[in-house]
C-alpha atoms as a PDB file:
ATOM      1  CA  MET A   1      34.972-106.531 116.697  1.00  0.00           C
ATOM      2  CA  ALA A   2      32.634-107.689 113.940  1.00  0.00           C
ATOM      3  CA  LYS A   3      34.203-111.145 113.933  1.00  0.00           C
ATOM      4  CA  LYS A   4      33.570-111.533 117.677  1.00  0.00           C
ATOM      5  CA  GLU A   5      29.905-110.602 117.214  1.00  0.00           C
ATOM      6  CA  THR A   6      29.575-113.091 114.357  1.00  0.00           C
ATOM      7  CA  GLU A   7      31.115-115.831 116.494  1.00  0.00           C
ATOM      8  CA  LYS A   8      28.761-115.009 119.381  1.00  0.00           C
ATOM      9  CA  LYS A   9      25.714-115.179 117.100  1.00  0.00           C
ATOM     10  CA  GLU A  10      26.931-118.455 115.656  1.00  0.00           C
ATOM     11  CA  ALA A  11      27.422-119.866 119.164  1.00  0.00           C
ATOM     12  CA  TRP A  12      23.845-118.925 120.114  1.00  0.00           C
ATOM     13  CA  PHE A  13      22.534-120.369 116.854  1.00  0.00           C
ATOM     14  CA  ARG A  14      24.125-123.705 117.771  1.00  0.00           C
ATOM     15  CA  ILE A  15      21.498-124.107 120.492  1.00  0.00           C
ATOM     16  CA  LEU A  16      18.750-124.056 117.861  1.00  0.00           C
ATOM     17  CA  VAL A  17      20.757-126.439 115.688  1.00  0.00           C
ATOM     18  CA  MET A  18      21.357-128.763 118.649  1.00  0.00           C
ATOM     19  CA  ILE A  19      17.662-128.982 119.428  1.00  0.00           C
ATOM     20  CA  THR A  20      16.340-129.228 115.871  1.00  0.00           C
ATOM     21  CA  SER A  21      19.002-131.420 114.282  1.00  0.00           C
ATOM     22  CA  GLY A  22      19.389-133.437 117.472  1.00  0.00           C
ATOM     23  CA  ILE A  23      15.719-134.425 117.470  1.00  0.00           C
ATOM     24  CA  ILE A  24      15.707-135.220 113.743  1.00  0.00           C
ATOM     25  CA  LEU A  25      18.906-137.259 113.914  1.00  0.00           C
ATOM     26  CA  SER A  26      17.727-139.156 117.009  1.00  0.00           C
ATOM     27  CA  ILE A  27      14.479-140.187 115.335  1.00  0.00           C
ATOM     28  CA  TRP A  28      16.374-141.020 112.167  1.00  0.00           C
ATOM     29  CA  ARG A  29      18.797-143.137 114.245  1.00  0.00           C
ATOM     30  CA  SER A  30      15.901-145.354 115.368  1.00  0.00           C
ATOM     31  CA  LEU A  31      15.081-146.034 111.727  1.00  0.00           C
ATOM     32  CA  ILE A  32      18.756-146.709 110.994  1.00  0.00           C
ATOM     33  CA  ILE A  33      18.905-149.326 113.768  1.00  0.00           C
ATOM     34  CA  LEU A  34      15.918-151.125 112.224  1.00  0.00           C
ATOM     35  CA  LEU A  35      17.528-150.940 108.782  1.00  0.00           C
ATOM     36  CA  ILE A  36      20.796-152.338 110.146  1.00  0.00           C
ATOM     37  CA  ILE A  37      18.957-155.345 111.542  1.00  0.00           C
ATOM     38  CA  MET A  38      16.952-155.751 108.339  1.00  0.00           C
ATOM     39  CA  ASN A  39      20.072-155.529 106.159  1.00  0.00           C
ATOM     40  CA  TRP A  40      21.829-158.016 108.404  1.00  0.00           C
ATOM     41  CA  PHE A  41      19.011-160.557 107.860  1.00  0.00           C
ATOM     42  CA  ILE A  42      18.949-159.840 104.125  1.00  0.00           C
ATOM     43  CA  THR A  43      22.687-160.472 103.943  1.00  0.00           C
ATOM     44  CA  ILE A  44      22.489-163.701 105.943  1.00  0.00           C
ATOM     45  CA  PHE A  45      19.616-165.184 103.935  1.00  0.00           C
ATOM     46  CA  SER A  46      20.417-163.909 100.446  1.00  0.00           C
ATOM     47  CA  GLY A  47      24.194-163.728 100.651  1.00  0.00           C
ATOM     48  CA  ASN A  48      24.156-160.134  99.351  1.00  0.00           C
ATOM     49  CA  ARG A  49      23.743-156.897 101.240  1.00  0.00           C
ATOM     50  CA  ASN A  50      21.146-154.394 100.112  1.00  0.00           C
ATOM     51  CA  LYS A  51      23.225-151.493  98.810  1.00  0.00           C
ATOM     52  CA  GLU A  52      20.310-149.047  98.834  1.00  0.00           C
ATOM     53  CA  ILE A  53      19.727-149.616 102.544  1.00  0.00           C
ATOM     54  CA  ALA A  54      23.450-149.269 103.234  1.00  0.00           C
ATOM     55  CA  LEU A  55      23.579-146.030 101.226  1.00  0.00           C
ATOM     56  CA  PHE A  56      20.587-144.632 103.131  1.00  0.00           C
ATOM     57  CA  CYS A  57      22.405-145.443 106.376  1.00  0.00           C
ATOM     58  CA  GLU A  58      25.455-143.615 105.021  1.00  0.00           C
ATOM     59  CA  TYR A  59      23.372-140.437 104.694  1.00  0.00           C
ATOM     60  CA  TRP A  60      22.728-140.618 108.422  1.00  0.00           C
ATOM     61  CA  ASN A  61      26.403-141.289 109.137  1.00  0.00           C
ATOM     62  CA  THR A  62      27.420-138.207 107.158  1.00  0.00           C
ATOM     63  CA  GLU A  63      24.825-135.949 108.774  1.00  0.00           C
ATOM     64  CA  TRP A  64      25.690-137.213 112.267  1.00  0.00           C
ATOM     65  CA  TYR A  65      29.378-136.514 111.574  1.00  0.00           C
ATOM     66  CA  LYS A  66      28.572-132.977 110.396  1.00  0.00           C
ATOM     67  CA  PHE A  67      26.363-132.471 113.474  1.00  0.00           C
ATOM     68  CA  ILE A  68      29.117-133.513 115.905  1.00  0.00           C
ATOM     69  CA  ARG A  69      31.751-131.403 114.127  1.00  0.00           C
ATOM     70  CA  TYR A  70      29.430-128.389 114.205  1.00  0.00           C
ATOM     71  CA  MET A  71      28.412-128.794 117.839  1.00  0.00           C
ATOM     72  CA  THR A  72      32.031-129.153 118.988  1.00  0.00           C
ATOM     73  CA  PHE A  73      33.042-125.971 117.100  1.00  0.00           C
ATOM     74  CA  VAL A  74      35.351-127.889 114.753  1.00  0.00           C
ATOM     75  CA  SER A  75      33.402-126.696 111.729  1.00  0.00           C
ATOM     76  CA  ASN A  76      30.897-123.996 110.873  1.00  0.00           C
ATOM     77  CA  LYS A  77      29.214-126.232 108.280  1.00  0.00           C
ATOM     78  CA  ARG A  78      25.695-126.706 109.584  1.00  0.00           C
ATOM     79  CA  PRO A  79      24.036-130.130 109.547  1.00  0.00           C
ATOM     80  CA  PHE A  80      20.674-131.114 108.074  1.00  0.00           C
ATOM     81  CA  PRO A  81      18.078-129.461 107.955  1.00  0.00           C
ATOM     82  CA  PHE A  82      20.055-126.205 107.941  1.00  0.00           C
ATOM     83  CA  THR A  83      21.970-127.225 104.815  1.00  0.00           C
ATOM     84  CA  PRO A  84      21.029-129.642 102.037  1.00  0.00           C
ATOM     85  CA  MET A  85      21.977-133.283 102.466  1.00  0.00           C
ATOM     86  CA  GLU A  86      25.016-134.351 100.486  1.00  0.00           C
ATOM     87  CA  ARG A  87      24.398-136.684  97.562  1.00  0.00           C
ATOM     88  CA  PHE A  88      26.502-139.768  97.008  1.00  0.00           C
ATOM     89  CA  SER A  89      27.093-140.564  93.358  1.00  0.00           C
ATOM     90  CA  LYS A  90      27.871-144.208  93.935  1.00  0.00           C
ATOM     91  CA  PHE A  91      28.125-146.781  96.674  1.00  0.00           C
ATOM     92  CA  LYS A  92      31.658-147.303  97.944  1.00  0.00           C
END
């Protein structure tokens, strides 16, 4: 019985996560689109991509992935800002 109650609470909490993380990730996505365009121009004119911009975009990719997995009940790992952002040690 306790597990059912925990699952119910977690399901209700997902509404708060959907609203909060959804707004943050949507605003962040607008910045990512601008950075994609900027990095595209940097790559065309300099011949090298800006790895810092690409890594910043990867943070968004990771958080968006965690958000979708959480909202579709695939995972109980909450997205940003409910858990700390994951750090990447190096650019792949």
